[in-house]
Amino acid sequence: MLMPIIPALNNTVVMKKIIQTTLLFAFLFGAAELIGQQDNPVITKVHNAIRQANAATLASCFHSTLDLEIGDTDGNFSKNQAEMIVKDFFTRNPVKSFTIKHQGSSDDGSKYSIGLYVTKSNLSYRVYVLLKQSDEGLRINQLQFEED
């Protein structure tokens, strides 16, 4: 009579171990991806450039052309045009703080960040940055500052 209970007990213990191991690997993979993004020098440079409202440094991470949306300005611009637009935005909206709210990556190697840019006059902008691999390495293909 005790024999059928023991295999059932062993199956339950095995299933718990499998579930625990799976959850552990999922957690470690997710943490490794986030840590990998934080350690990426281009992403760090982009985040720091926005924190410092430094258009020139940010532009050094632009692709040769990029989709840019800032206020009423929305379109595909050359690297130089986009730098001037971003510089004007930073001048008119001095940074108080910039914090990253979420970041991730796609199967094609693209990386993205979503953050909150707060101005000294306490206006808030949701910032979306999409970086894609190019011949020059990881570069910004899309940048958006949307009033929050």
N, C-alpha and C. Protein backbone atom coordinates (compact mmCIF):
# COMPACT_ATOMS: atom_id res chain seq x y z
N MET A 1 0.80 -1.20 0.00
CA MET A 1 0.00 0.00 0.00
C MET A 1 0.85 1.26 0.00
N LEU A 2 1.98 1.25 0.64
CA LEU A 2 2.82 2.44 0.67
C LEU A 2 3.59 2.63 -0.63
N MET A 3 3.76 1.62 -1.39
CA MET A 3 4.54 1.71 -2.62
C MET A 3 3.98 2.73 -3.61
N PRO A 4 2.66 2.81 -3.89
CA PRO A 4 2.17 3.81 -4.85
C PRO A 4 2.37 5.25 -4.36
N ILE A 5 2.40 5.48 -3.07
CA ILE A 5 2.57 6.83 -2.54
C ILE A 5 4.00 7.32 -2.77
N ILE A 6 4.96 6.47 -2.62
CA ILE A 6 6.37 6.87 -2.74
C ILE A 6 6.69 7.35 -4.16
N PRO A 7 6.31 6.64 -5.24
CA PRO A 7 6.59 7.20 -6.57
C PRO A 7 5.87 8.53 -6.81
N ALA A 8 4.66 8.68 -6.32
CA ALA A 8 3.95 9.94 -6.47
C ALA A 8 4.67 11.06 -5.73
N LEU A 9 5.19 10.75 -4.55
CA LEU A 9 5.94 11.72 -3.77
C LEU A 9 7.21 12.11 -4.50
N ASN A 10 7.90 11.14 -5.06
CA ASN A 10 9.13 11.42 -5.81
C ASN A 10 8.84 12.27 -7.03
N ASN A 11 7.74 12.01 -7.73
CA ASN A 11 7.38 12.82 -8.89
C ASN A 11 7.11 14.27 -8.49
N THR A 12 6.46 14.48 -7.36
CA THR A 12 6.19 15.82 -6.87
C THR A 12 7.49 16.54 -6.54
N VAL A 13 8.38 15.88 -5.88
CA VAL A 13 9.68 16.46 -5.53
C VAL A 13 10.47 16.79 -6.79
N VAL A 14 10.46 15.90 -7.76
CA VAL A 14 11.17 16.12 -9.02
C VAL A 14 10.56 17.32 -9.75
N MET A 15 9.24 17.39 -9.81
CA MET A 15 8.59 18.51 -10.48
C MET A 15 8.93 19.84 -9.80
N LYS A 16 8.96 19.86 -8.48
CA LYS A 16 9.33 21.08 -7.76
C LYS A 16 10.75 21.49 -8.11
N LYS A 17 11.65 20.54 -8.18
CA LYS A 17 13.05 20.83 -8.53
C LYS A 17 13.15 21.38 -9.96
N ILE A 18 12.39 20.79 -10.87
CA ILE A 18 12.41 21.25 -12.26
C ILE A 18 11.89 22.68 -12.34
N ILE A 19 10.79 22.95 -11.65
CA ILE A 19 10.21 24.29 -11.65
C ILE A 19 11.18 25.30 -11.03
N GLN A 20 11.79 24.94 -9.91
CA GLN A 20 12.74 25.84 -9.25
C GLN A 20 13.94 26.13 -10.16
N THR A 21 14.45 25.11 -10.81
CA THR A 21 15.59 25.28 -11.70
C THR A 21 15.22 26.16 -12.89
N THR A 22 14.05 25.93 -13.46
CA THR A 22 13.59 26.73 -14.60
C THR A 22 13.45 28.19 -14.20
N LEU A 23 12.83 28.45 -13.06
CA LEU A 23 12.67 29.82 -12.59
C LEU A 23 14.01 30.48 -12.32
N LEU A 24 14.94 29.73 -11.75
CA LEU A 24 16.27 30.26 -11.48
C LEU A 24 16.97 30.67 -12.77
N PHE A 25 16.92 29.80 -13.80
CA PHE A 25 17.54 30.13 -15.08
C PHE A 25 16.86 31.33 -15.73
N ALA A 26 15.55 31.42 -15.65
CA ALA A 26 14.81 32.55 -16.23
C ALA A 26 15.24 33.85 -15.53
N PHE A 27 15.34 33.81 -14.22
CA PHE A 27 15.76 34.99 -13.46
C PHE A 27 17.19 35.39 -13.83
N LEU A 28 18.09 34.41 -13.86
CA LEU A 28 19.49 34.72 -14.17
C LEU A 28 19.65 35.24 -15.58
N PHE A 29 18.90 34.67 -16.54
CA PHE A 29 18.97 35.15 -17.92
C PHE A 29 18.49 36.59 -18.01
N GLY A 30 17.38 36.90 -17.37
CA GLY A 30 16.84 38.27 -17.37
C GLY A 30 17.79 39.24 -16.72
N ALA A 31 18.38 38.86 -15.60
CA ALA A 31 19.33 39.73 -14.90
C ALA A 31 20.59 39.93 -15.75
N ALA A 32 21.05 38.86 -16.40
CA ALA A 32 22.25 38.97 -17.23
C ALA A 32 22.01 39.90 -18.41
N GLU A 33 20.81 39.84 -19.00
CA GLU A 33 20.50 40.73 -20.12
C GLU A 33 20.50 42.18 -19.66
N LEU A 34 19.89 42.47 -18.52
CA LEU A 34 19.85 43.83 -18.01
C LEU A 34 21.25 44.32 -17.66
N ILE A 35 22.03 43.47 -17.01
CA ILE A 35 23.40 43.84 -16.66
C ILE A 35 24.22 44.06 -17.92
N GLY A 36 24.02 43.21 -18.93
CA GLY A 36 24.74 43.36 -20.20
C GLY A 36 24.43 44.69 -20.86
N GLN A 37 23.20 45.13 -20.79
CA GLN A 37 22.83 46.41 -21.37
C GLN A 37 23.46 47.55 -20.59
N GLN A 38 23.46 47.44 -19.27
CA GLN A 38 24.03 48.50 -18.47
C GLN A 38 25.52 48.62 -18.69
N ASP A 39 26.18 47.50 -19.01
CA ASP A 39 27.62 47.51 -19.21
C ASP A 39 28.01 47.88 -20.64
N ASN A 40 27.04 48.01 -21.54
CA ASN A 40 27.34 48.36 -22.91
C ASN A 40 27.80 49.82 -22.96
N PRO A 41 29.01 50.08 -23.44
CA PRO A 41 29.54 51.44 -23.40
C PRO A 41 28.73 52.44 -24.23
N VAL A 42 28.14 52.02 -25.34
CA VAL A 42 27.36 52.94 -26.16
C VAL A 42 26.09 53.34 -25.43
N ILE A 43 25.41 52.36 -24.82
CA ILE A 43 24.18 52.67 -24.09
C ILE A 43 24.49 53.57 -22.89
N THR A 44 25.55 53.28 -22.19
CA THR A 44 25.97 54.13 -21.06
C THR A 44 26.26 55.55 -21.54
N LYS A 45 26.94 55.67 -22.67
CA LYS A 45 27.27 56.98 -23.24
C LYS A 45 25.99 57.75 -23.60
N VAL A 46 25.02 57.05 -24.19
CA VAL A 46 23.75 57.68 -24.56
C VAL A 46 23.03 58.20 -23.32
N HIS A 47 22.90 57.33 -22.30
CA HIS A 47 22.20 57.72 -21.08
C HIS A 47 22.89 58.91 -20.40
N ASN A 48 24.21 58.86 -20.34
CA ASN A 48 24.95 59.97 -19.71
C ASN A 48 24.82 61.26 -20.51
N ALA A 49 24.81 61.16 -21.83
CA ALA A 49 24.67 62.36 -22.66
C ALA A 49 23.32 63.02 -22.42
N ILE A 50 22.27 62.22 -22.28
CA ILE A 50 20.95 62.79 -22.00
C ILE A 50 20.93 63.38 -20.60
N ARG A 51 21.51 62.68 -19.62
CA ARG A 51 21.57 63.21 -18.24
C ARG A 51 22.29 64.55 -18.18
N GLN A 52 23.27 64.73 -19.03
CA GLN A 52 24.06 65.97 -19.04
C GLN A 52 23.56 66.96 -20.09
N ALA A 53 22.49 66.59 -20.81
CA ALA A 53 21.94 67.42 -21.89
C ALA A 53 23.04 67.83 -22.86
N ASN A 54 23.84 66.85 -23.26
CA ASN A 54 24.98 67.08 -24.14
C ASN A 54 24.65 66.56 -25.54
N ALA A 55 24.20 67.46 -26.40
CA ALA A 55 23.77 67.07 -27.75
C ALA A 55 24.92 66.53 -28.59
N ALA A 56 26.11 67.10 -28.45
CA ALA A 56 27.25 66.65 -29.26
C ALA A 56 27.62 65.20 -28.94
N THR A 57 27.67 64.87 -27.66
CA THR A 57 28.00 63.50 -27.26
C THR A 57 26.90 62.54 -27.69
N LEU A 58 25.66 62.96 -27.52
CA LEU A 58 24.54 62.12 -27.95
C LEU A 58 24.60 61.90 -29.46
N ALA A 59 24.89 62.94 -30.21
CA ALA A 59 24.95 62.84 -31.67
C ALA A 59 26.07 61.92 -32.14
N SER A 60 27.10 61.79 -31.34
CA SER A 60 28.19 60.88 -31.72
C SER A 60 27.72 59.43 -31.74
N CYS A 61 26.55 59.18 -31.17
CA CYS A 61 25.97 57.83 -31.15
C CYS A 61 24.84 57.67 -32.18
N PHE A 62 24.57 58.74 -32.95
CA PHE A 62 23.52 58.69 -33.96
C PHE A 62 23.96 57.88 -35.17
N HIS A 63 23.02 57.20 -35.79
CA HIS A 63 23.23 56.60 -37.11
C HIS A 63 23.33 57.76 -38.10
N SER A 64 23.75 57.54 -39.30
CA SER A 64 23.89 58.64 -40.28
C SER A 64 22.56 59.36 -40.52
N THR A 65 21.45 58.64 -40.43
CA THR A 65 20.11 59.24 -40.42
C THR A 65 19.32 58.58 -39.30
N LEU A 66 18.35 59.30 -38.75
CA LEU A 66 17.55 58.72 -37.69
C LEU A 66 16.16 59.34 -37.67
N ASP A 67 15.23 58.58 -37.13
CA ASP A 67 13.88 59.10 -36.90
C ASP A 67 13.91 59.85 -35.59
N LEU A 68 13.47 61.10 -35.63
CA LEU A 68 13.52 61.96 -34.46
C LEU A 68 12.16 62.59 -34.24
N GLU A 69 11.69 62.53 -33.01
CA GLU A 69 10.43 63.16 -32.65
C GLU A 69 10.64 63.92 -31.34
N ILE A 70 10.54 65.25 -31.46
CA ILE A 70 10.65 66.13 -30.30
C ILE A 70 9.61 67.23 -30.48
N GLY A 71 8.59 67.22 -29.66
CA GLY A 71 7.52 68.22 -29.79
C GLY A 71 6.87 68.15 -31.15
N ASP A 72 6.84 69.30 -31.84
CA ASP A 72 6.23 69.38 -33.17
C ASP A 72 7.16 68.88 -34.27
N THR A 73 8.40 68.64 -33.94
CA THR A 73 9.37 68.17 -34.92
C THR A 73 9.32 66.65 -34.98
N ASP A 74 9.05 66.13 -36.17
CA ASP A 74 8.90 64.69 -36.34
C ASP A 74 9.31 64.33 -37.77
N GLY A 75 10.33 63.52 -37.90
CA GLY A 75 10.75 63.11 -39.24
C GLY A 75 12.06 62.37 -39.22
N ASN A 76 12.57 62.12 -40.42
CA ASN A 76 13.85 61.45 -40.58
C ASN A 76 14.87 62.53 -40.91
N PHE A 77 15.93 62.60 -40.09
CA PHE A 77 16.90 63.67 -40.22
C PHE A 77 18.31 63.11 -40.33
N SER A 78 19.19 63.90 -40.95
CA SER A 78 20.60 63.54 -40.97
C SER A 78 21.16 63.68 -39.55
N LYS A 79 22.29 63.11 -39.34
CA LYS A 79 22.96 63.17 -38.03
C LYS A 79 23.16 64.63 -37.61
N ASN A 80 23.62 65.48 -38.52
CA ASN A 80 23.88 66.89 -38.20
C ASN A 80 22.60 67.66 -37.90
N GLN A 81 21.56 67.43 -38.72
CA GLN A 81 20.28 68.09 -38.48
C GLN A 81 19.72 67.68 -37.12
N ALA A 82 19.76 66.38 -36.84
CA ALA A 82 19.22 65.87 -35.57
C ALA A 82 19.98 66.45 -34.39
N GLU A 83 21.30 66.58 -34.52
CA GLU A 83 22.09 67.17 -33.42
C GLU A 83 21.64 68.59 -33.12
N MET A 84 21.38 69.38 -34.15
CA MET A 84 20.96 70.77 -33.94
C MET A 84 19.57 70.82 -33.29
N ILE A 85 18.68 69.93 -33.69
CA ILE A 85 17.33 69.89 -33.10
C ILE A 85 17.40 69.51 -31.63
N VAL A 86 18.21 68.49 -31.32
CA VAL A 86 18.36 68.04 -29.94
C VAL A 86 19.03 69.12 -29.10
N LYS A 87 20.04 69.78 -29.67
CA LYS A 87 20.73 70.86 -28.94
C LYS A 87 19.75 71.98 -28.59
N ASP A 88 18.89 72.32 -29.54
CA ASP A 88 17.87 73.35 -29.30
C ASP A 88 16.91 72.90 -28.19
N PHE A 89 16.51 71.65 -28.24
CA PHE A 89 15.61 71.12 -27.20
C PHE A 89 16.27 71.20 -25.83
N PHE A 90 17.52 70.76 -25.73
CA PHE A 90 18.23 70.80 -24.45
C PHE A 90 18.40 72.23 -23.94
N THR A 91 18.63 73.18 -24.86
CA THR A 91 18.78 74.59 -24.47
C THR A 91 17.47 75.14 -23.92
N ARG A 92 16.37 74.82 -24.59
CA ARG A 92 15.06 75.31 -24.16
C ARG A 92 14.50 74.55 -22.96
N ASN A 93 15.02 73.34 -22.72
CA ASN A 93 14.51 72.48 -21.64
C ASN A 93 15.68 71.91 -20.83
N PRO A 94 16.34 72.76 -20.03
CA PRO A 94 17.49 72.29 -19.24
C PRO A 94 17.10 71.10 -18.35
N VAL A 95 18.00 70.15 -18.28
CA VAL A 95 17.72 68.91 -17.56
C VAL A 95 17.82 69.10 -16.05
N LYS A 96 16.85 68.54 -15.36
CA LYS A 96 16.89 68.44 -13.90
C LYS A 96 17.29 67.01 -13.54
N SER A 97 16.69 66.04 -14.25
CA SER A 97 17.04 64.64 -14.02
C SER A 97 16.66 63.79 -15.23
N PHE A 98 17.31 62.67 -15.34
CA PHE A 98 16.96 61.67 -16.36
C PHE A 98 17.14 60.30 -15.74
N THR A 99 16.07 59.53 -15.73
CA THR A 99 16.13 58.18 -15.15
C THR A 99 15.62 57.16 -16.16
N ILE A 100 16.26 56.02 -16.17
CA ILE A 100 15.85 54.92 -17.04
C ILE A 100 14.75 54.14 -16.33
N LYS A 101 13.64 53.94 -17.03
CA LYS A 101 12.50 53.20 -16.48
C LYS A 101 12.47 51.76 -16.97
N HIS A 102 12.94 51.55 -18.20
CA HIS A 102 12.89 50.20 -18.77
C HIS A 102 13.89 50.13 -19.92
N GLN A 103 14.47 48.96 -20.10
CA GLN A 103 15.32 48.73 -21.27
C GLN A 103 15.30 47.26 -21.63
N GLY A 104 15.62 46.99 -22.87
CA GLY A 104 15.59 45.61 -23.34
C GLY A 104 16.26 45.49 -24.69
N SER A 105 16.07 44.32 -25.30
CA SER A 105 16.68 44.06 -26.60
C SER A 105 15.77 43.15 -27.42
N SER A 106 16.04 43.13 -28.72
CA SER A 106 15.29 42.30 -29.65
C SER A 106 16.19 41.21 -30.18
N ASP A 107 15.59 40.25 -30.84
CA ASP A 107 16.34 39.13 -31.41
C ASP A 107 17.35 39.59 -32.47
N ASP A 108 17.06 40.71 -33.13
CA ASP A 108 17.96 41.19 -34.19
C ASP A 108 19.15 41.98 -33.64
N GLY A 109 19.29 42.06 -32.32
CA GLY A 109 20.41 42.77 -31.71
C GLY A 109 20.11 44.21 -31.36
N SER A 110 18.91 44.68 -31.71
CA SER A 110 18.52 46.05 -31.36
C SER A 110 18.38 46.19 -29.85
N LYS A 111 18.66 47.36 -29.35
CA LYS A 111 18.52 47.67 -27.92
C LYS A 111 17.63 48.89 -27.79
N TYR A 112 16.85 48.93 -26.73
CA TYR A 112 16.01 50.09 -26.52
C TYR A 112 16.01 50.48 -25.05
N SER A 113 15.76 51.75 -24.83
CA SER A 113 15.65 52.29 -23.48
C SER A 113 14.46 53.23 -23.44
N ILE A 114 13.75 53.21 -22.32
CA ILE A 114 12.67 54.15 -22.07
C ILE A 114 13.00 54.84 -20.76
N GLY A 115 12.99 56.16 -20.80
CA GLY A 115 13.35 56.91 -19.60
C GLY A 115 12.45 58.10 -19.39
N LEU A 116 12.71 58.80 -18.31
CA LEU A 116 11.95 60.00 -17.98
C LEU A 116 12.93 61.16 -17.84
N TYR A 117 12.74 62.17 -18.69
CA TYR A 117 13.55 63.38 -18.70
C TYR A 117 12.73 64.47 -18.02
N VAL A 118 13.23 65.02 -16.92
CA VAL A 118 12.53 66.08 -16.20
C VAL A 118 13.35 67.36 -16.34
N THR A 119 12.67 68.43 -16.71
CA THR A 119 13.35 69.71 -16.90
C THR A 119 13.40 70.49 -15.58
N LYS A 120 14.21 71.53 -15.57
CA LYS A 120 14.30 72.38 -14.38
C LYS A 120 12.99 73.09 -14.08
N SER A 121 12.14 73.25 -15.09
CA SER A 121 10.82 73.85 -14.87
C SER A 121 9.76 72.77 -14.59
N ASN A 122 10.23 71.55 -14.29
CA ASN A 122 9.40 70.41 -13.90
C ASN A 122 8.46 69.88 -14.99
N LEU A 123 8.81 70.10 -16.25
CA LEU A 123 8.12 69.42 -17.34
C LEU A 123 8.72 68.03 -17.46
N SER A 124 7.90 67.04 -17.77
CA SER A 124 8.38 65.67 -17.90
C SER A 124 8.22 65.19 -19.34
N TYR A 125 9.25 64.51 -19.82
CA TYR A 125 9.23 63.93 -21.16
C TYR A 125 9.57 62.45 -21.07
N ARG A 126 8.77 61.65 -21.76
CA ARG A 126 9.08 60.23 -21.90
C ARG A 126 10.08 60.13 -23.04
N VAL A 127 11.19 59.48 -22.79
CA VAL A 127 12.25 59.37 -23.79
C VAL A 127 12.35 57.92 -24.25
N TYR A 128 12.32 57.75 -25.56
CA TYR A 128 12.47 56.42 -26.16
C TYR A 128 13.68 56.46 -27.07
N VAL A 129 14.61 55.52 -26.85
CA VAL A 129 15.82 55.43 -27.66
C VAL A 129 15.91 54.02 -28.23
N LEU A 130 16.03 53.92 -29.55
CA LEU A 130 16.22 52.63 -30.21
C LEU A 130 17.58 52.63 -30.88
N LEU A 131 18.40 51.65 -30.51
CA LEU A 131 19.73 51.51 -31.08
C LEU A 131 19.78 50.22 -31.89
N LYS A 132 20.36 50.30 -33.08
CA LYS A 132 20.51 49.12 -33.93
C LYS A 132 21.97 48.96 -34.33
N GLN A 133 22.33 47.73 -34.62
CA GLN A 133 23.69 47.45 -35.08
C GLN A 133 23.87 47.98 -36.49
N SER A 134 25.02 48.59 -36.74
CA SER A 134 25.38 49.07 -38.07
C SER A 134 26.85 48.74 -38.30
N ASP A 135 27.37 49.16 -39.44
CA ASP A 135 28.80 48.95 -39.72
C ASP A 135 29.67 49.65 -38.69
N GLU A 136 29.14 50.72 -38.09
CA GLU A 136 29.88 51.50 -37.09
C GLU A 136 29.65 50.99 -35.67
N GLY A 137 28.89 49.92 -35.53
CA GLY A 137 28.55 49.39 -34.21
C GLY A 137 27.13 49.78 -33.85
N LEU A 138 26.83 49.78 -32.58
CA LEU A 138 25.49 50.12 -32.09
C LEU A 138 25.26 51.62 -32.23
N ARG A 139 24.18 52.01 -32.93
CA ARG A 139 23.89 53.41 -33.19
C ARG A 139 22.41 53.71 -32.98
N ILE A 140 22.11 54.96 -32.62
CA ILE A 140 20.72 55.38 -32.41
C ILE A 140 20.03 55.53 -33.77
N ASN A 141 18.94 54.77 -33.94
CA ASN A 141 18.13 54.86 -35.16
C ASN A 141 16.85 55.64 -34.92
N GLN A 142 16.41 55.68 -33.69
CA GLN A 142 15.16 56.38 -33.36
C GLN A 142 15.31 57.02 -31.98
N LEU A 143 14.86 58.28 -31.89
CA LEU A 143 14.91 59.03 -30.63
C LEU A 143 13.63 59.84 -30.52
N GLN A 144 12.95 59.69 -29.38
CA GLN A 144 11.71 60.43 -29.15
C GLN A 144 11.72 61.06 -27.76
N PHE A 145 11.31 62.32 -27.71
CA PHE A 145 11.04 63.02 -26.46
C PHE A 145 9.56 63.42 -26.52
N GLU A 146 8.72 62.73 -25.79
CA GLU A 146 7.29 63.02 -25.80
C GLU A 146 6.87 63.58 -24.46
N GLU A 147 6.18 64.72 -24.49
CA GLU A 147 5.74 65.32 -23.23
C GLU A 147 4.85 64.34 -22.48
N ASP A 148 5.16 64.15 -21.21
CA ASP A 148 4.46 63.16 -20.37
C ASP A 148 3.24 63.76 -19.73
